[in-house]
Protein backbone atom coordinates (compact mmCIF):
# COMPACT_ATOMS: atom_id res chain seq x y z
CA UNK A 1 0.00 0.00 0.00
CA UNK A 2 1.38 3.40 -0.93
CA UNK A 3 2.20 6.02 1.66
CA UNK A 4 -0.51 8.28 0.22
CA UNK A 5 -3.17 5.69 1.09
CA UNK A 6 -1.73 5.18 4.58
CA UNK A 7 -2.19 8.89 5.30
CA UNK A 8 -5.74 9.05 3.92
CA UNK A 9 -8.29 8.16 6.63
CA UNK A 10 -10.98 7.82 3.94
CA UNK A 11 -9.10 5.22 1.90
CA UNK A 12 -11.34 2.23 1.28
CA UNK A 13 -14.53 3.94 2.45
CA UNK A 14 -17.19 4.41 -0.22
CA UNK A 15 -18.97 7.75 -0.58
CA UNK A 16 -22.29 5.92 -0.18
CA UNK A 17 -21.15 4.50 3.17
CA UNK A 18 -20.02 7.96 4.32
CA UNK A 19 -23.33 9.52 3.35
CA UNK A 20 -25.40 6.75 4.92
CA UNK A 21 -23.47 7.12 8.20
CA UNK A 22 -24.00 10.87 8.21
CA UNK A 23 -27.72 10.53 7.47
CA UNK A 24 -28.11 7.92 10.18
CA UNK A 25 -26.24 10.09 12.70
CA UNK A 26 -27.58 13.55 11.82
CA UNK A 27 -30.55 13.06 9.49
CA UNK A 28 -31.01 15.10 6.32
CA UNK A 29 -32.48 18.08 8.20
CA UNK A 30 -29.39 18.52 10.36
CA UNK A 31 -27.07 17.79 7.43
CA UNK A 32 -28.74 20.64 5.54
CA UNK A 33 -28.01 22.96 8.47
CA UNK A 34 -24.36 21.91 8.62
CA UNK A 35 -23.76 21.79 4.84
CA UNK A 36 -26.09 24.02 2.85
CA UNK A 37 -26.56 22.18 -0.42
CA UNK A 38 -29.83 21.69 -2.27
CA UNK A 39 -29.65 17.91 -2.32
CA UNK A 40 -29.98 17.93 1.50
CA UNK A 41 -32.60 20.69 1.59
CA UNK A 42 -35.23 19.71 -0.99
CA UNK A 43 -36.63 16.16 -1.22
CA UNK A 44 -33.37 14.52 -0.09
CA UNK A 45 -32.50 10.92 -0.87
CA UNK A 46 -29.27 8.99 -0.69
CA UNK A 47 -29.23 8.42 -4.47
CA UNK A 48 -29.90 12.04 -5.45
CA UNK A 49 -27.29 13.22 -2.96
CA UNK A 50 -24.72 10.74 -4.27
CA UNK A 51 -25.31 11.87 -7.84
CA UNK A 52 -24.71 15.51 -6.85
CA UNK A 53 -21.71 14.81 -4.61
CA UNK A 54 -19.95 12.74 -7.28
CA UNK A 55 -20.14 15.69 -9.69
CA UNK A 56 -19.35 18.45 -7.17
CA UNK A 57 -15.89 18.23 -5.56
CA UNK A 58 -16.35 21.15 -3.11
CA UNK A 59 -19.55 19.61 -1.71
CA UNK A 60 -18.00 16.14 -1.50
CA UNK A 61 -15.06 17.62 0.43
CA UNK A 62 -17.44 19.20 2.96
CA UNK A 63 -19.28 15.89 3.40
CA UNK A 64 -16.02 13.97 3.83
CA UNK A 65 -14.74 16.55 6.34
CA UNK A 66 -17.94 16.30 8.38
CA UNK A 67 -17.65 12.51 8.35
CA UNK A 68 -14.07 12.68 9.60
CA UNK A 69 -15.14 15.10 12.32
CA UNK A 70 -18.06 12.84 13.32
CA UNK A 71 -15.86 9.73 13.52
CA UNK A 72 -13.03 11.51 15.30
CA UNK A 73 -10.54 10.82 12.51
CA UNK A 74 -10.02 14.49 11.64
C-alpha atoms as a PDB file:
ATOM      1  CA  UNK A   1       0.000   0.000   0.000  1.00  0.00           C
ATOM      2  CA  UNK A   2       1.385   3.401  -0.928  1.00  0.00           C
ATOM      3  CA  UNK A   3       2.195   6.018   1.658  1.00  0.00           C
ATOM      4  CA  UNK A   4      -0.510   8.282   0.220  1.00  0.00           C
ATOM      5  CA  UNK A   5      -3.167   5.695   1.088  1.00  0.00           C
ATOM      6  CA  UNK A   6      -1.732   5.183   4.577  1.00  0.00           C
ATOM      7  CA  UNK A   7      -2.193   8.887   5.295  1.00  0.00           C
ATOM      8  CA  UNK A   8      -5.743   9.047   3.922  1.00  0.00           C
ATOM      9  CA  UNK A   9      -8.291   8.155   6.633  1.00  0.00           C
ATOM     10  CA  UNK A  10     -10.984   7.816   3.936  1.00  0.00           C
ATOM     11  CA  UNK A  11      -9.097   5.218   1.902  1.00  0.00           C
ATOM     12  CA  UNK A  12     -11.338   2.230   1.276  1.00  0.00           C
ATOM     13  CA  UNK A  13     -14.533   3.938   2.446  1.00  0.00           C
ATOM     14  CA  UNK A  14     -17.188   4.415  -0.222  1.00  0.00           C
ATOM     15  CA  UNK A  15     -18.969   7.749  -0.579  1.00  0.00           C
ATOM     16  CA  UNK A  16     -22.287   5.920  -0.180  1.00  0.00           C
ATOM     17  CA  UNK A  17     -21.146   4.502   3.174  1.00  0.00           C
ATOM     18  CA  UNK A  18     -20.018   7.957   4.323  1.00  0.00           C
ATOM     19  CA  UNK A  19     -23.327   9.521   3.354  1.00  0.00           C
ATOM     20  CA  UNK A  20     -25.399   6.748   4.924  1.00  0.00           C
ATOM     21  CA  UNK A  21     -23.469   7.117   8.195  1.00  0.00           C
ATOM     22  CA  UNK A  22     -24.001  10.865   8.212  1.00  0.00           C
ATOM     23  CA  UNK A  23     -27.722  10.533   7.471  1.00  0.00           C
ATOM     24  CA  UNK A  24     -28.105   7.918  10.179  1.00  0.00           C
ATOM     25  CA  UNK A  25     -26.243  10.086  12.699  1.00  0.00           C
ATOM     26  CA  UNK A  26     -27.579  13.549  11.816  1.00  0.00           C
ATOM     27  CA  UNK A  27     -30.547  13.060   9.487  1.00  0.00           C
ATOM     28  CA  UNK A  28     -31.011  15.097   6.323  1.00  0.00           C
ATOM     29  CA  UNK A  29     -32.479  18.075   8.195  1.00  0.00           C
ATOM     30  CA  UNK A  30     -29.392  18.517  10.364  1.00  0.00           C
ATOM     31  CA  UNK A  31     -27.068  17.786   7.434  1.00  0.00           C
ATOM     32  CA  UNK A  32     -28.736  20.639   5.540  1.00  0.00           C
ATOM     33  CA  UNK A  33     -28.009  22.960   8.475  1.00  0.00           C
ATOM     34  CA  UNK A  34     -24.365  21.915   8.624  1.00  0.00           C
ATOM     35  CA  UNK A  35     -23.762  21.793   4.843  1.00  0.00           C
ATOM     36  CA  UNK A  36     -26.093  24.024   2.849  1.00  0.00           C
ATOM     37  CA  UNK A  37     -26.560  22.178  -0.419  1.00  0.00           C
ATOM     38  CA  UNK A  38     -29.830  21.687  -2.265  1.00  0.00           C
ATOM     39  CA  UNK A  39     -29.653  17.909  -2.322  1.00  0.00           C
ATOM     40  CA  UNK A  40     -29.981  17.929   1.496  1.00  0.00           C
ATOM     41  CA  UNK A  41     -32.605  20.687   1.591  1.00  0.00           C
ATOM     42  CA  UNK A  42     -35.227  19.705  -0.989  1.00  0.00           C
ATOM     43  CA  UNK A  43     -36.629  16.165  -1.220  1.00  0.00           C
ATOM     44  CA  UNK A  44     -33.369  14.522  -0.088  1.00  0.00           C
ATOM     45  CA  UNK A  45     -32.504  10.915  -0.867  1.00  0.00           C
ATOM     46  CA  UNK A  46     -29.271   8.987  -0.694  1.00  0.00           C
ATOM     47  CA  UNK A  47     -29.228   8.423  -4.471  1.00  0.00           C
ATOM     48  CA  UNK A  48     -29.900  12.044  -5.452  1.00  0.00           C
ATOM     49  CA  UNK A  49     -27.290  13.224  -2.963  1.00  0.00           C
ATOM     50  CA  UNK A  50     -24.716  10.744  -4.271  1.00  0.00           C
ATOM     51  CA  UNK A  51     -25.315  11.871  -7.844  1.00  0.00           C
ATOM     52  CA  UNK A  52     -24.714  15.506  -6.848  1.00  0.00           C
ATOM     53  CA  UNK A  53     -21.708  14.811  -4.614  1.00  0.00           C
ATOM     54  CA  UNK A  54     -19.946  12.745  -7.280  1.00  0.00           C
ATOM     55  CA  UNK A  55     -20.136  15.695  -9.690  1.00  0.00           C
ATOM     56  CA  UNK A  56     -19.352  18.453  -7.169  1.00  0.00           C
ATOM     57  CA  UNK A  57     -15.887  18.234  -5.559  1.00  0.00           C
ATOM     58  CA  UNK A  58     -16.350  21.147  -3.115  1.00  0.00           C
ATOM     59  CA  UNK A  59     -19.547  19.611  -1.714  1.00  0.00           C
ATOM     60  CA  UNK A  60     -17.998  16.143  -1.497  1.00  0.00           C
ATOM     61  CA  UNK A  61     -15.058  17.624   0.435  1.00  0.00           C
ATOM     62  CA  UNK A  62     -17.445  19.198   2.956  1.00  0.00           C
ATOM     63  CA  UNK A  63     -19.280  15.887   3.398  1.00  0.00           C
ATOM     64  CA  UNK A  64     -16.020  13.972   3.835  1.00  0.00           C
ATOM     65  CA  UNK A  65     -14.739  16.547   6.343  1.00  0.00           C
ATOM     66  CA  UNK A  66     -17.941  16.299   8.383  1.00  0.00           C
ATOM     67  CA  UNK A  67     -17.653  12.506   8.353  1.00  0.00           C
ATOM     68  CA  UNK A  68     -14.066  12.684   9.600  1.00  0.00           C
ATOM     69  CA  UNK A  69     -15.141  15.100  12.324  1.00  0.00           C
ATOM     70  CA  UNK A  70     -18.065  12.842  13.321  1.00  0.00           C
ATOM     71  CA  UNK A  71     -15.858   9.735  13.516  1.00  0.00           C
ATOM     72  CA  UNK A  72     -13.034  11.513  15.303  1.00  0.00           C
ATOM     73  CA  UNK A  73     -10.542  10.819  12.513  1.00  0.00           C
ATOM     74  CA  UNK A  74     -10.024  14.486  11.644  1.00  0.00           C
END
